[in-house]
Structures are given as C-alpha cells and as structure tokens.
N, C-alpha and C. Protein backbone atom coordinates (compact mmCIF):
# COMPACT_ATOMS: atom_id res chain seq x y z
N UNK A 1 -11.02 42.04 8.35
CA UNK A 1 -11.38 43.23 9.11
C UNK A 1 -11.77 42.84 10.52
N UNK A 2 -11.43 43.67 11.44
CA UNK A 2 -11.72 43.44 12.84
C UNK A 2 -12.91 44.31 13.25
N UNK A 3 -13.96 43.69 13.76
CA UNK A 3 -15.12 44.46 14.19
C UNK A 3 -14.88 45.06 15.57
N UNK A 4 -14.39 44.25 16.50
CA UNK A 4 -14.21 44.70 17.88
C UNK A 4 -12.79 44.41 18.33
N UNK A 5 -12.10 45.47 18.80
CA UNK A 5 -10.71 45.37 19.23
C UNK A 5 -10.58 45.97 20.63
N UNK A 6 -9.84 45.29 21.49
CA UNK A 6 -9.54 45.80 22.83
C UNK A 6 -8.06 46.14 22.88
N UNK A 7 -7.74 47.28 23.48
CA UNK A 7 -6.36 47.69 23.69
C UNK A 7 -6.01 47.53 25.16
N UNK A 8 -4.90 46.86 25.43
CA UNK A 8 -4.36 46.73 26.79
C UNK A 8 -2.99 47.41 26.78
N UNK A 9 -2.87 48.51 27.54
CA UNK A 9 -1.62 49.26 27.50
C UNK A 9 -0.90 49.31 28.85
N UNK A 10 -1.33 48.47 29.78
CA UNK A 10 -0.63 48.38 31.07
C UNK A 10 -0.94 47.03 31.71
N UNK A 11 -0.35 46.80 32.86
CA UNK A 11 -0.54 45.53 33.57
C UNK A 11 -1.73 45.58 34.52
N UNK A 12 -2.43 46.69 34.56
CA UNK A 12 -3.54 46.84 35.49
C UNK A 12 -4.66 47.63 34.81
N UNK A 13 -5.85 47.50 35.34
CA UNK A 13 -7.01 48.21 34.82
C UNK A 13 -7.24 49.45 35.68
N UNK A 14 -7.24 50.59 35.05
CA UNK A 14 -7.49 51.84 35.77
C UNK A 14 -6.26 52.41 36.44
N UNK A 15 -6.45 53.55 37.07
CA UNK A 15 -5.38 54.24 37.78
C UNK A 15 -5.61 54.09 39.28
N UNK A 16 -4.56 54.20 40.05
CA UNK A 16 -4.69 54.10 41.50
C UNK A 16 -3.93 52.90 42.02
N UNK A 17 -4.54 52.16 42.89
CA UNK A 17 -3.90 51.01 43.53
C UNK A 17 -3.57 49.94 42.49
N UNK A 18 -2.28 49.64 42.35
CA UNK A 18 -1.82 48.68 41.34
C UNK A 18 -2.39 47.29 41.56
N UNK A 19 -2.42 46.84 42.82
CA UNK A 19 -2.95 45.51 43.13
C UNK A 19 -4.41 45.37 42.76
N UNK A 20 -5.19 46.40 43.08
CA UNK A 20 -6.61 46.39 42.72
C UNK A 20 -6.75 46.39 41.20
N UNK A 21 -5.94 47.19 40.52
CA UNK A 21 -5.99 47.25 39.07
C UNK A 21 -5.66 45.93 38.41
N UNK A 22 -4.68 45.20 38.96
CA UNK A 22 -4.33 43.88 38.43
C UNK A 22 -5.46 42.89 38.65
N UNK A 23 -6.10 42.96 39.82
CA UNK A 23 -7.24 42.09 40.09
C UNK A 23 -8.38 42.39 39.13
N UNK A 24 -8.66 43.67 38.91
CA UNK A 24 -9.74 44.05 37.99
C UNK A 24 -9.46 43.56 36.57
N UNK A 25 -8.22 43.68 36.13
CA UNK A 25 -7.87 43.22 34.78
C UNK A 25 -8.04 41.71 34.67
N UNK A 26 -7.62 40.98 35.70
CA UNK A 26 -7.78 39.52 35.69
C UNK A 26 -9.25 39.13 35.62
N UNK A 27 -10.08 39.81 36.41
CA UNK A 27 -11.52 39.53 36.39
C UNK A 27 -12.11 39.88 35.03
N UNK A 28 -11.73 41.02 34.47
CA UNK A 28 -12.22 41.42 33.16
C UNK A 28 -11.90 40.37 32.10
N UNK A 29 -10.65 39.93 32.06
CA UNK A 29 -10.25 38.94 31.06
C UNK A 29 -11.00 37.62 31.24
N UNK A 30 -11.22 37.21 32.48
CA UNK A 30 -12.00 35.98 32.72
C UNK A 30 -13.45 36.16 32.26
N UNK A 31 -14.02 37.34 32.46
CA UNK A 31 -15.39 37.61 32.02
C UNK A 31 -15.48 37.60 30.49
N UNK A 32 -14.48 38.15 29.83
CA UNK A 32 -14.44 38.10 28.36
C UNK A 32 -14.36 36.65 27.90
N UNK A 33 -13.53 35.86 28.56
CA UNK A 33 -13.40 34.44 28.22
C UNK A 33 -14.73 33.71 28.37
N UNK A 34 -15.48 34.03 29.42
CA UNK A 34 -16.76 33.37 29.69
C UNK A 34 -17.90 33.89 28.81
N UNK A 35 -17.73 35.05 28.23
CA UNK A 35 -18.79 35.68 27.45
C UNK A 35 -18.94 35.02 26.08
N UNK A 36 -20.16 35.02 25.59
CA UNK A 36 -20.39 34.56 24.22
C UNK A 36 -19.90 35.58 23.21
N UNK A 37 -19.83 36.85 23.63
CA UNK A 37 -19.34 37.93 22.76
C UNK A 37 -17.85 38.09 23.00
N UNK A 38 -17.07 37.90 21.97
CA UNK A 38 -15.62 38.00 22.07
C UNK A 38 -15.12 39.11 21.14
N UNK A 39 -14.03 39.76 21.53
CA UNK A 39 -13.41 40.69 20.58
C UNK A 39 -12.73 39.88 19.47
N UNK A 40 -12.50 40.52 18.35
CA UNK A 40 -11.75 39.87 17.29
C UNK A 40 -10.27 39.84 17.61
N UNK A 41 -9.82 40.88 18.32
CA UNK A 41 -8.40 40.98 18.65
C UNK A 41 -8.22 41.76 19.94
N UNK A 42 -7.12 41.46 20.63
CA UNK A 42 -6.66 42.26 21.75
C UNK A 42 -5.25 42.70 21.40
N UNK A 43 -5.03 44.01 21.42
CA UNK A 43 -3.72 44.57 21.10
C UNK A 43 -3.05 45.00 22.39
N UNK A 44 -1.80 44.60 22.55
CA UNK A 44 -1.03 44.91 23.75
C UNK A 44 0.13 45.82 23.37
N UNK A 45 0.27 46.93 24.08
CA UNK A 45 1.46 47.75 23.89
C UNK A 45 1.87 48.38 25.20
N UNK A 46 3.01 49.06 25.19
CA UNK A 46 3.66 49.57 26.39
C UNK A 46 3.77 48.42 27.40
N UNK A 47 3.56 48.66 28.69
CA UNK A 47 3.75 47.58 29.66
C UNK A 47 2.68 46.50 29.57
N UNK A 48 1.65 46.72 28.77
CA UNK A 48 0.63 45.69 28.56
C UNK A 48 1.20 44.42 27.94
N UNK A 49 2.32 44.53 27.23
CA UNK A 49 2.92 43.34 26.62
C UNK A 49 3.42 42.35 27.68
N UNK A 50 3.63 42.82 28.90
CA UNK A 50 4.08 41.92 29.97
C UNK A 50 3.07 40.82 30.27
N UNK A 51 1.82 41.01 29.86
CA UNK A 51 0.80 39.99 30.08
C UNK A 51 1.06 38.73 29.26
N UNK A 52 1.87 38.84 28.21
CA UNK A 52 2.06 37.75 27.25
C UNK A 52 3.38 37.00 27.41
N UNK A 53 4.15 37.33 28.43
CA UNK A 53 5.48 36.73 28.58
C UNK A 53 5.57 35.88 29.84
N UNK A 54 6.68 35.15 29.94
CA UNK A 54 6.96 34.28 31.09
C UNK A 54 6.69 35.01 32.41
N UNK A 55 5.97 34.34 33.31
CA UNK A 55 5.72 34.89 34.63
C UNK A 55 4.43 35.69 34.75
N UNK A 56 3.72 35.87 33.65
CA UNK A 56 2.47 36.63 33.69
C UNK A 56 1.38 35.84 34.39
N UNK A 57 0.66 36.51 35.28
CA UNK A 57 -0.46 35.86 35.97
C UNK A 57 -1.68 35.73 35.06
N UNK A 58 -1.64 36.33 33.88
CA UNK A 58 -2.77 36.34 32.96
C UNK A 58 -2.65 35.31 31.83
N UNK A 59 -1.54 34.60 31.77
CA UNK A 59 -1.28 33.73 30.61
C UNK A 59 -2.36 32.69 30.37
N UNK A 60 -2.81 32.04 31.42
CA UNK A 60 -3.79 30.96 31.24
C UNK A 60 -5.05 31.46 30.53
N UNK A 61 -5.59 32.57 30.98
CA UNK A 61 -6.81 33.09 30.36
C UNK A 61 -6.53 33.63 28.96
N UNK A 62 -5.36 34.21 28.74
CA UNK A 62 -5.04 34.72 27.40
C UNK A 62 -4.84 33.59 26.40
N UNK A 63 -4.21 32.52 26.82
CA UNK A 63 -4.06 31.35 25.94
C UNK A 63 -5.44 30.78 25.61
N UNK A 64 -6.33 30.72 26.60
CA UNK A 64 -7.69 30.22 26.36
C UNK A 64 -8.44 31.13 25.38
N UNK A 65 -8.29 32.44 25.52
CA UNK A 65 -8.92 33.36 24.57
C UNK A 65 -8.38 33.14 23.16
N UNK A 66 -7.08 32.95 23.06
CA UNK A 66 -6.46 32.70 21.76
C UNK A 66 -7.01 31.40 21.15
N UNK A 67 -7.17 30.38 21.97
CA UNK A 67 -7.72 29.11 21.50
C UNK A 67 -9.16 29.26 21.04
N UNK A 68 -9.87 30.26 21.56
CA UNK A 68 -11.25 30.51 21.15
C UNK A 68 -11.33 31.48 19.97
N UNK A 69 -10.19 31.79 19.37
CA UNK A 69 -10.19 32.58 18.15
C UNK A 69 -9.91 34.07 18.30
N UNK A 70 -9.61 34.52 19.51
CA UNK A 70 -9.26 35.93 19.71
C UNK A 70 -7.78 36.11 19.34
N UNK A 71 -7.50 37.01 18.42
CA UNK A 71 -6.12 37.25 18.02
C UNK A 71 -5.45 38.16 19.05
N UNK A 72 -4.29 37.74 19.54
CA UNK A 72 -3.52 38.51 20.51
C UNK A 72 -2.30 39.08 19.80
N UNK A 73 -2.19 40.41 19.78
CA UNK A 73 -1.13 41.08 19.04
C UNK A 73 -0.33 41.97 19.98
N UNK A 74 0.98 41.84 19.94
CA UNK A 74 1.85 42.63 20.81
C UNK A 74 2.78 43.50 19.99
N UNK A 75 2.92 44.74 20.38
CA UNK A 75 3.86 45.66 19.75
C UNK A 75 5.27 45.13 19.93
N UNK A 76 5.96 44.90 18.83
CA UNK A 76 7.31 44.34 18.89
C UNK A 76 8.30 45.23 19.62
N UNK A 77 8.26 46.52 19.36
CA UNK A 77 9.17 47.43 20.05
C UNK A 77 8.97 47.35 21.55
N UNK A 78 7.72 47.26 21.98
CA UNK A 78 7.42 47.17 23.42
C UNK A 78 7.93 45.86 24.01
N UNK A 79 7.76 44.76 23.29
CA UNK A 79 8.25 43.47 23.78
C UNK A 79 9.76 43.54 23.99
N UNK A 80 10.47 44.10 23.04
CA UNK A 80 11.93 44.17 23.13
C UNK A 80 12.39 45.15 24.20
N UNK A 81 11.76 46.33 24.26
CA UNK A 81 12.22 47.37 25.18
C UNK A 81 11.68 47.21 26.59
N UNK A 82 10.40 46.88 26.73
CA UNK A 82 9.78 46.77 28.06
C UNK A 82 10.11 45.44 28.72
N UNK A 83 10.05 44.36 27.94
CA UNK A 83 10.25 43.01 28.50
C UNK A 83 11.65 42.49 28.29
N UNK A 84 12.41 43.15 27.42
CA UNK A 84 13.76 42.69 27.09
C UNK A 84 13.74 41.24 26.60
N UNK A 85 12.70 40.92 25.81
CA UNK A 85 12.53 39.57 25.29
C UNK A 85 12.26 39.62 23.80
N UNK A 86 12.39 38.47 23.17
CA UNK A 86 12.12 38.37 21.74
C UNK A 86 10.98 37.41 21.43
N UNK A 87 10.42 36.78 22.46
CA UNK A 87 9.38 35.79 22.23
C UNK A 87 8.24 35.97 23.22
N UNK A 88 7.07 35.53 22.81
CA UNK A 88 5.87 35.58 23.64
C UNK A 88 5.43 34.16 23.95
N UNK A 89 4.70 33.99 25.04
CA UNK A 89 4.11 32.69 25.36
C UNK A 89 2.67 32.61 24.88
N UNK A 90 2.11 33.73 24.48
CA UNK A 90 0.77 33.78 23.88
C UNK A 90 0.79 34.92 22.86
N UNK A 91 -0.02 34.80 21.84
CA UNK A 91 -0.11 35.85 20.84
C UNK A 91 1.07 35.89 19.90
N UNK A 92 1.12 36.98 19.14
CA UNK A 92 2.22 37.15 18.19
C UNK A 92 2.69 38.59 18.19
N UNK A 93 3.93 38.76 17.81
CA UNK A 93 4.52 40.08 17.73
C UNK A 93 4.13 40.73 16.41
N UNK A 94 3.78 42.01 16.47
CA UNK A 94 3.43 42.77 15.28
C UNK A 94 4.16 44.11 15.33
N UNK A 95 3.77 45.00 14.44
CA UNK A 95 4.42 46.32 14.40
C UNK A 95 3.35 47.41 14.38
N UNK A 96 3.79 48.64 14.53
CA UNK A 96 2.84 49.75 14.61
C UNK A 96 2.09 49.97 13.31
N UNK A 97 2.65 49.58 12.18
CA UNK A 97 1.92 49.69 10.92
C UNK A 97 0.67 48.82 10.93
N UNK A 98 0.83 47.57 11.34
CA UNK A 98 -0.34 46.68 11.41
C UNK A 98 -1.31 47.14 12.48
N UNK A 99 -0.80 47.55 13.63
CA UNK A 99 -1.67 48.03 14.71
C UNK A 99 -2.49 49.23 14.23
N UNK A 100 -1.84 50.15 13.55
CA UNK A 100 -2.54 51.34 13.02
C UNK A 100 -3.63 50.94 12.05
N UNK A 101 -3.33 50.04 11.12
CA UNK A 101 -4.33 49.59 10.15
C UNK A 101 -5.52 48.94 10.85
N UNK A 102 -5.25 48.08 11.83
CA UNK A 102 -6.33 47.40 12.54
C UNK A 102 -7.22 48.42 13.26
N UNK A 103 -6.60 49.36 13.97
CA UNK A 103 -7.38 50.33 14.74
C UNK A 103 -8.20 51.25 13.83
N UNK A 104 -7.63 51.65 12.70
CA UNK A 104 -8.35 52.54 11.79
C UNK A 104 -9.49 51.84 11.07
N UNK A 105 -9.38 50.53 10.87
CA UNK A 105 -10.42 49.77 10.18
C UNK A 105 -11.47 49.19 11.13
N UNK A 106 -11.16 49.09 12.41
CA UNK A 106 -12.07 48.44 13.36
C UNK A 106 -13.35 49.25 13.54
N UNK A 107 -14.46 48.53 13.70
CA UNK A 107 -15.74 49.19 13.97
C UNK A 107 -15.77 49.75 15.39
N UNK A 108 -15.22 49.00 16.34
CA UNK A 108 -15.22 49.40 17.75
C UNK A 108 -13.85 49.14 18.35
N UNK A 109 -13.30 50.15 19.03
CA UNK A 109 -12.03 50.01 19.74
C UNK A 109 -12.27 50.37 21.20
N UNK A 110 -11.92 49.46 22.09
CA UNK A 110 -12.09 49.66 23.53
C UNK A 110 -10.70 49.71 24.15
N UNK A 111 -10.38 50.81 24.80
CA UNK A 111 -9.09 50.94 25.48
C UNK A 111 -9.30 50.75 26.97
N UNK A 112 -8.57 49.80 27.55
CA UNK A 112 -8.68 49.56 28.99
C UNK A 112 -7.75 50.48 29.74
C-alpha cells in the first residue's frame, strides 16, 4: 500500500509561464530529494512522462529519488503517444489499472 503519492501530469509546475513552471518543478523535486519525508510513489501521466525519458532536465534528481526508494511509475499509453518511445531512463511503465488501484488505496494523493 502506498501512503503518500504525488502525481506529475505536465513538464512544469502550475499554469502560466512555462519556463518559471519548469524551474519550480525542478526546485520542488530537489526539495523532495533533500527532505527526510519522501512519497512512496510518483505517478507520471500525460506530458509528465517526458520527465523520465532521454533529454529530460529532471533525470538526475528522479534517478536519485528512485535510488532512495521512491517508486516512479509512468502511464504506458502516455509514454508511447506523448514521447513516441517504449523505454524510460528512470522508473517503470505501468497501466491505468495499476494507477487507479494505487490512487484509490493511497492515504494521501498530491497532484502538482
């Protein structure tokens, strides 16, 4: 069971200036990495899956989070359709059935 889950559904945090949003997301992920409190999982869907593929500016921090035990899960349909790829450089591909089960069972879900 997952107690705390974060959802990332885009390449930036918030609406408005894309560059500012990307900076905010990078800072947020670094703060999570530095925190003693970690989520059990981070779920990526829609354009959020781009954070886990070649060329992502977030890969280093996401790999470090994974090494610290945070499970990184990416919607397979999104990886194939949004990124036109079949592989990730961090995390693992899952499906909406597993994502639904995780979200319905989680104690806390935070959507960025």
